[in-house]
């Protein structure tokens, strides 16, 4: 009887210990489909960095019909990836997103134009048709046009804005003179489709002084009042940045890990390796902590959009270093 009691007690202790050490579930909503743009998170999962931090990670791919902020608001994720212009606009509209880490230091956004359109500089945009992504991705473009003093109403002194889908067909079919591209993705789709670099001219937002922060890590503000949630995010960010730095140092391996996680089978090894090489240039220089100067530059760009600014006032509480201070 005494032996049975001891066995039962030992069993109860084992169960309670397992429960005490059960991994914390974290659901991450990506901004787009599975690709090397998100390699750091897949690497952290594959290498066991999340497990080392006692985190059970679920990575949810995005897509054209998925708005990360809406997923977060609906309780479908604990943390999301978003571009800061979209996140700040969402915050001003009432959904209090907070940036807790910033893995991407530089912007990869560009306008890519056909040289046969006659465009040689941004001054030549007037009268042209420009492909622009919407659903929050239009904000940097609108701020840039405002800075240039170019209207986006299709007038003779302005530009005609073509709502661009998530492909590069408009420039290939000459429906647009320029299209939105990322250094790591759509630009290479144009090249792979048959146009050469000599056929194109690119304008990087970074070079034009209107770059805004991309691919930051965001949570809901009220969640940060919970010490347990804070601790979970500290561990999540620490593991994620370890994944990012490994991906930077081992781009081909990271691309392979991404491909292993692409349930759609739509990605190719060539494209993902090339993408990872370009992504590594954007995450280089960041340890995950948001640089306040980069934040202020982004806010200034968004506030300068003339009569129709992306945000109408200086945000407060839109970012915090409480997580990265502990994680890094």
Protein backbone atom coordinates (compact mmCIF):
# COMPACT_ATOMS: atom_id res chain seq x y z
CA UNK A 1 0.00 0.00 0.00
CA UNK A 2 2.81 2.32 0.95
CA UNK A 3 4.60 1.43 -2.30
CA UNK A 4 1.45 2.17 -4.31
CA UNK A 5 1.08 5.53 -2.59
CA UNK A 6 4.66 6.40 -3.45
CA UNK A 7 4.11 5.41 -7.09
CA UNK A 8 0.96 7.51 -7.29
CA UNK A 9 2.73 10.47 -5.74
CA UNK A 10 5.61 10.13 -8.17
CA UNK A 11 3.18 9.94 -11.07
CA UNK A 12 1.33 13.03 -9.90
CA UNK A 13 4.63 14.90 -9.57
CA UNK A 14 5.64 13.88 -13.09
CA UNK A 15 2.33 15.10 -14.52
CA UNK A 16 2.48 18.39 -12.65
CA UNK A 17 6.11 18.91 -13.73
CA UNK A 18 5.21 18.25 -17.37
CA UNK A 19 2.35 20.73 -17.13
CA UNK A 20 4.61 23.30 -15.49
CA UNK A 21 7.13 22.95 -18.30
CA UNK A 22 4.65 22.62 -21.15
CA UNK A 23 5.78 24.83 -24.01
CA UNK A 24 3.98 28.15 -24.43
CA UNK A 25 2.02 28.30 -27.68
CA UNK A 26 2.78 31.27 -29.93
CA UNK A 27 1.00 31.81 -33.24
CA UNK A 28 2.80 34.03 -35.75
CA UNK A 29 0.91 35.46 -38.72
CA UNK A 30 3.15 36.25 -41.70
CA UNK A 31 2.51 39.20 -44.01
CA UNK A 32 2.70 37.07 -47.15
CA UNK A 33 3.08 33.50 -48.40
CA UNK A 34 5.89 31.20 -47.30
CA UNK A 35 9.12 32.55 -48.82
CA UNK A 36 12.61 33.63 -47.83
CA UNK A 37 11.24 37.00 -46.69
CA UNK A 38 10.36 35.10 -43.51
CA UNK A 39 13.34 32.74 -43.40
CA UNK A 40 14.42 33.71 -39.89
CA UNK A 41 11.26 32.33 -38.33
CA UNK A 42 11.36 29.06 -40.25
CA UNK A 43 15.05 28.66 -39.42
CA UNK A 44 14.36 29.28 -35.71
CA UNK A 45 11.67 26.61 -35.85
CA UNK A 46 13.82 24.11 -37.74
CA UNK A 47 16.93 24.63 -35.59
CA UNK A 48 14.99 24.28 -32.34
CA UNK A 49 15.56 27.85 -31.19
CA UNK A 50 11.89 28.23 -30.25
CA UNK A 51 11.92 24.89 -28.44
CA UNK A 52 15.01 26.02 -26.54
CA UNK A 53 12.95 28.99 -25.32
CA UNK A 54 10.06 26.69 -24.33
CA UNK A 55 7.88 27.96 -27.19
CA UNK A 56 5.58 25.86 -29.36
CA UNK A 57 5.47 27.97 -32.53
CA UNK A 58 2.79 27.96 -35.21
CA UNK A 59 3.69 29.94 -38.32
CA UNK A 60 0.67 30.90 -40.44
CA UNK A 61 1.37 31.94 -44.05
CA UNK A 62 -0.31 35.06 -45.37
CA UNK A 63 -1.77 35.83 -48.76
CA UNK A 64 -3.68 38.43 -50.81
CA UNK A 65 -6.83 38.03 -48.73
CA UNK A 66 -5.14 38.02 -45.32
CA UNK A 67 -4.62 41.24 -43.36
CA UNK A 68 -2.28 40.51 -40.42
CA UNK A 69 -3.78 43.24 -38.22
CA UNK A 70 -7.27 41.82 -38.68
CA UNK A 71 -6.03 38.34 -37.80
CA UNK A 72 -4.45 39.77 -34.64
CA UNK A 73 -7.60 41.67 -33.70
CA UNK A 74 -9.71 38.56 -34.21
CA UNK A 75 -7.53 36.48 -31.91
CA UNK A 76 -6.12 34.34 -34.72
CA UNK A 77 -2.52 35.17 -33.84
CA UNK A 78 -0.43 36.35 -30.89
CA UNK A 79 2.03 38.28 -33.01
CA UNK A 80 2.11 39.48 -36.62
CA UNK A 81 4.52 40.86 -39.18
CA UNK A 82 3.62 44.12 -40.87
CA UNK A 83 5.12 47.18 -42.53
CA UNK A 84 5.21 50.21 -40.27
CA UNK A 85 3.15 52.52 -42.54
CA UNK A 86 0.28 50.05 -42.45
CA UNK A 87 0.70 49.42 -38.72
CA UNK A 88 0.70 53.15 -37.86
CA UNK A 89 -2.32 53.83 -40.06
CA UNK A 90 -4.11 50.92 -38.39
CA UNK A 91 -3.20 52.27 -34.95
CA UNK A 92 -4.55 55.72 -35.77
CA UNK A 93 -7.82 54.10 -36.86
CA UNK A 94 -8.22 52.53 -33.43
CA UNK A 95 -6.46 49.16 -33.39
CA UNK A 96 -3.51 49.64 -31.06
CA UNK A 97 -0.66 47.78 -32.72
CA UNK A 98 2.74 48.09 -31.06
CA UNK A 99 6.11 47.34 -32.64
CA UNK A 100 8.14 45.16 -30.25
CA UNK A 101 11.06 44.33 -32.57
CA UNK A 102 12.42 45.30 -35.99
CA UNK A 103 14.44 42.58 -37.78
CA UNK A 104 14.53 44.50 -41.09
CA UNK A 105 16.90 47.48 -41.03
CA UNK A 106 16.55 48.56 -44.68
CA UNK A 107 13.73 48.83 -47.20
CA UNK A 108 13.57 46.62 -50.28
CA UNK A 109 10.79 48.56 -52.00
CA UNK A 110 11.32 49.97 -55.50
CA UNK A 111 9.53 51.26 -58.56
CA UNK A 112 10.81 49.37 -61.58
CA UNK A 113 10.22 51.08 -64.93
CA UNK A 114 10.70 50.23 -68.59
CA UNK A 115 13.43 52.34 -70.16
CA UNK A 116 11.41 52.50 -73.37
CA UNK A 117 8.81 54.52 -71.42
CA UNK A 118 11.24 57.44 -71.52
CA UNK A 119 11.57 57.58 -67.73
CA UNK A 120 15.05 58.58 -66.63
CA UNK A 121 14.31 60.20 -63.27
CA UNK A 122 11.32 60.67 -60.92
CA UNK A 123 10.60 63.97 -62.69
CA UNK A 124 9.57 61.89 -65.72
CA UNK A 125 6.78 60.10 -63.81
CA UNK A 126 4.24 62.79 -64.77
CA UNK A 127 1.77 61.53 -67.30
CA UNK A 128 2.81 57.94 -66.77
CA UNK A 129 0.93 54.92 -65.42
CA UNK A 130 2.44 53.48 -62.26
CA UNK A 131 1.50 50.15 -60.73
CA UNK A 132 0.95 50.40 -56.97
CA UNK A 133 0.15 47.79 -54.36
CA UNK A 134 -2.71 48.65 -52.02
CA UNK A 135 -4.04 47.06 -48.80
CA UNK A 136 -1.66 49.25 -46.77
CA UNK A 137 1.32 48.95 -49.11
CA UNK A 138 0.38 52.13 -50.98
CA UNK A 139 1.32 54.47 -48.13
CA UNK A 140 5.06 54.84 -48.90
CA UNK A 141 4.23 55.50 -52.57
CA UNK A 142 1.67 58.21 -51.74
CA UNK A 143 4.14 59.90 -49.40
CA UNK A 144 6.79 59.84 -52.12
CA UNK A 145 4.49 61.39 -54.72
CA UNK A 146 3.50 64.08 -52.21
CA UNK A 147 7.17 64.86 -51.61
CA UNK A 148 7.67 65.17 -55.37
CA UNK A 149 4.57 67.35 -55.72
CA UNK A 150 3.02 64.91 -58.18
CA UNK A 151 -0.72 64.32 -58.06
CA UNK A 152 -2.03 60.76 -58.16
CA UNK A 153 -5.38 61.62 -59.76
CA UNK A 154 -4.47 60.75 -63.34
CA UNK A 155 -4.30 64.39 -64.42
CA UNK A 156 -1.85 65.61 -67.06
CA UNK A 157 0.53 66.90 -64.38
CA UNK A 158 0.08 63.81 -62.27
CA UNK A 159 0.31 60.07 -62.58
CA UNK A 160 -2.27 57.43 -63.24
CA UNK A 161 -2.25 54.87 -60.46
CA UNK A 162 -2.92 51.30 -61.50
CA UNK A 163 -3.97 49.09 -58.61
CA UNK A 164 -1.40 46.39 -59.07
CA UNK A 165 -2.10 42.78 -58.25
CA UNK A 166 0.60 40.66 -56.72
CA UNK A 167 2.29 39.99 -60.04
CA UNK A 168 4.28 41.96 -62.62
CA UNK A 169 1.99 41.45 -65.63
CA UNK A 170 1.29 45.20 -66.10
CA UNK A 171 4.90 46.02 -66.99
CA UNK A 172 5.31 42.92 -69.14
CA UNK A 173 2.13 43.70 -71.08
CA UNK A 174 2.88 47.45 -71.21
CA UNK A 175 -0.25 48.29 -69.22
CA UNK A 176 1.97 50.29 -66.87
CA UNK A 177 5.23 52.16 -67.36
CA UNK A 178 6.41 51.22 -63.88
CA UNK A 179 5.37 48.68 -61.27
CA UNK A 180 6.01 48.20 -57.57
CA UNK A 181 8.68 45.64 -56.88
CA UNK A 182 10.81 44.40 -54.01
CA UNK A 183 14.55 43.99 -54.46
CA UNK A 184 14.19 40.37 -53.42
CA UNK A 185 11.11 39.27 -55.32
CA UNK A 186 9.12 40.96 -58.10
CA UNK A 187 12.14 42.57 -59.76
CA UNK A 188 13.51 39.09 -60.42
CA UNK A 189 10.13 37.92 -61.68
CA UNK A 190 10.43 40.57 -64.39
CA UNK A 191 13.92 39.37 -65.25
CA UNK A 192 12.80 35.75 -65.33
CA UNK A 193 9.91 36.72 -67.62
CA UNK A 194 12.31 37.89 -70.30
CA UNK A 195 13.20 41.56 -69.76
CA UNK A 196 16.84 42.25 -68.97
CA UNK A 197 18.37 44.65 -66.47
CA UNK A 198 19.30 46.84 -69.46
CA UNK A 199 15.61 47.16 -70.34
CA UNK A 200 14.79 48.53 -66.88
CA UNK A 201 15.48 51.44 -64.58
CA UNK A 202 14.82 51.15 -60.85
CA UNK A 203 14.13 53.72 -58.17
CA UNK A 204 14.70 52.48 -54.64
CA UNK A 205 12.65 54.14 -51.94
CA UNK A 206 15.77 53.96 -49.74
CA UNK A 207 17.74 56.04 -52.26
CA UNK A 208 14.90 58.54 -52.74
CA UNK A 209 14.77 59.37 -49.02
CA UNK A 210 11.27 58.03 -48.52
CA UNK A 211 12.05 54.55 -47.21
CA UNK A 212 9.83 53.34 -44.40
CA UNK A 213 10.32 50.40 -42.08
CA UNK A 214 9.18 46.99 -43.31
CA UNK A 215 8.58 43.59 -41.71
CA UNK A 216 8.40 44.59 -38.06
CA UNK A 217 7.02 42.41 -35.26
CA UNK A 218 3.73 43.68 -33.80
CA UNK A 219 1.38 42.77 -30.96
CA UNK A 220 -1.72 44.33 -29.42
CA UNK A 221 -0.91 47.01 -26.86
CA UNK A 222 -3.20 45.70 -24.12
CA UNK A 223 -1.46 42.30 -24.22
CA UNK A 224 1.78 43.91 -23.05
CA UNK A 225 0.26 44.65 -19.64
CA UNK A 226 0.38 40.91 -18.92
CA UNK A 227 3.81 39.90 -17.48
CA UNK A 228 3.37 36.33 -18.76
CA UNK A 229 2.77 37.60 -22.30
CA UNK A 230 5.78 39.92 -22.03
CA UNK A 231 7.97 37.00 -20.99
CA UNK A 232 6.67 34.89 -23.87
CA UNK A 233 7.44 37.66 -26.36
CA UNK A 234 10.95 38.12 -24.94
CA UNK A 235 11.64 34.45 -25.62
CA UNK A 236 9.96 34.61 -29.03
CA UNK A 237 12.01 37.61 -30.16
CA UNK A 238 15.25 36.14 -28.85
CA UNK A 239 14.70 32.88 -30.73
CA UNK A 240 13.54 34.70 -33.88
CA UNK A 241 16.60 36.92 -34.05
CA UNK A 242 18.84 33.91 -33.54
CA UNK A 243 17.07 32.41 -36.55
CA UNK A 244 17.59 35.57 -38.58
CA UNK A 245 21.29 35.79 -37.88
CA UNK A 246 21.73 32.13 -38.79
CA UNK A 247 19.81 32.73 -42.03
CA UNK A 248 22.05 35.70 -42.88
CA UNK A 249 25.17 33.62 -42.37
CA UNK A 250 23.80 30.53 -44.15
CA UNK A 251 21.53 31.84 -46.93
CA UNK A 252 21.41 28.72 -49.09
CA UNK A 253 20.58 26.48 -46.13
CA UNK A 254 17.94 28.98 -45.00
CA UNK A 255 16.37 28.96 -48.46
CA UNK A 256 16.21 25.19 -48.31
CA UNK A 257 14.42 25.32 -44.96
CA UNK A 258 11.89 27.73 -46.43
CA UNK A 259 11.28 25.39 -49.36
CA UNK A 260 10.72 22.51 -46.94
CA UNK A 261 7.95 24.55 -45.31
CA UNK A 262 6.26 25.67 -48.52
CA UNK A 263 3.12 23.56 -48.53
CA UNK A 264 1.98 25.14 -51.80
CA UNK A 265 5.02 23.91 -53.69
CA UNK A 266 4.94 27.17 -55.66
CA UNK A 267 8.47 28.32 -54.84
CA UNK A 268 11.62 27.31 -56.70
CA UNK A 269 15.08 26.71 -55.30
CA UNK A 270 16.63 29.26 -57.67
CA UNK A 271 14.23 32.01 -56.67
CA UNK A 272 14.38 31.34 -52.94
CA UNK A 273 18.18 31.26 -52.85
CA UNK A 274 18.29 34.52 -54.77
CA UNK A 275 15.63 36.02 -52.51
CA UNK A 276 17.46 35.01 -49.36
CA UNK A 277 20.63 36.65 -50.64
CA UNK A 278 18.74 39.93 -51.07
CA UNK A 279 16.85 39.60 -47.78
CA UNK A 280 20.14 39.19 -45.90
CA UNK A 281 21.09 42.69 -47.10
CA UNK A 282 17.94 44.12 -45.50
CA UNK A 283 18.27 42.41 -42.12
CA UNK A 284 22.01 43.13 -41.91
CA UNK A 285 22.78 45.72 -39.27
CA UNK A 286 19.77 44.92 -37.09
CA UNK A 287 19.93 42.90 -33.89
CA UNK A 288 16.14 43.15 -33.65
CA UNK A 289 15.93 46.37 -31.65
CA UNK A 290 14.10 49.24 -33.36
CA UNK A 291 16.36 52.19 -34.14
CA UNK A 292 14.49 55.30 -33.01
CA UNK A 293 16.02 57.33 -35.84
CA UNK A 294 14.53 54.89 -38.37
CA UNK A 295 11.18 55.15 -36.62
CA UNK A 296 11.24 58.96 -36.71
CA UNK A 297 12.18 58.94 -40.40
CA UNK A 298 9.24 56.67 -41.16
CA UNK A 299 6.82 58.85 -39.21
CA UNK A 300 8.14 62.02 -40.87
CA UNK A 301 7.69 60.48 -44.32
CA UNK A 302 4.13 59.43 -43.56
CA UNK A 303 3.17 62.81 -42.09
CA UNK A 304 4.47 64.64 -45.16
CA UNK A 305 1.88 63.30 -47.59
CA UNK A 306 0.42 66.74 -48.30
CA UNK A 307 -3.34 67.18 -48.00
CA UNK A 308 -3.89 63.46 -47.60
CA UNK A 309 -1.27 62.21 -45.14
CA UNK A 310 -1.07 58.56 -44.21
CA UNK A 311 -1.27 59.51 -40.54
CA UNK A 312 -2.50 62.87 -39.30
CA UNK A 313 -0.57 63.22 -36.04
CA UNK A 314 2.58 62.07 -34.31
CA UNK A 315 1.88 58.58 -32.91
CA UNK A 316 2.38 57.84 -29.24
CA UNK A 317 3.03 54.41 -27.82
CA UNK A 318 3.45 52.86 -31.27
CA UNK A 319 6.66 51.04 -30.34
CA UNK A 320 8.41 49.79 -27.25
CA UNK A 321 11.88 48.54 -26.39
CA UNK A 322 10.70 46.62 -23.32
CA UNK A 323 10.85 43.30 -25.16
CA UNK A 324 14.16 43.72 -27.01
CA UNK A 325 15.83 45.25 -23.92
CA UNK A 326 15.27 41.91 -22.18
CA UNK A 327 15.59 39.62 -25.18
CA UNK A 328 18.86 40.96 -26.57
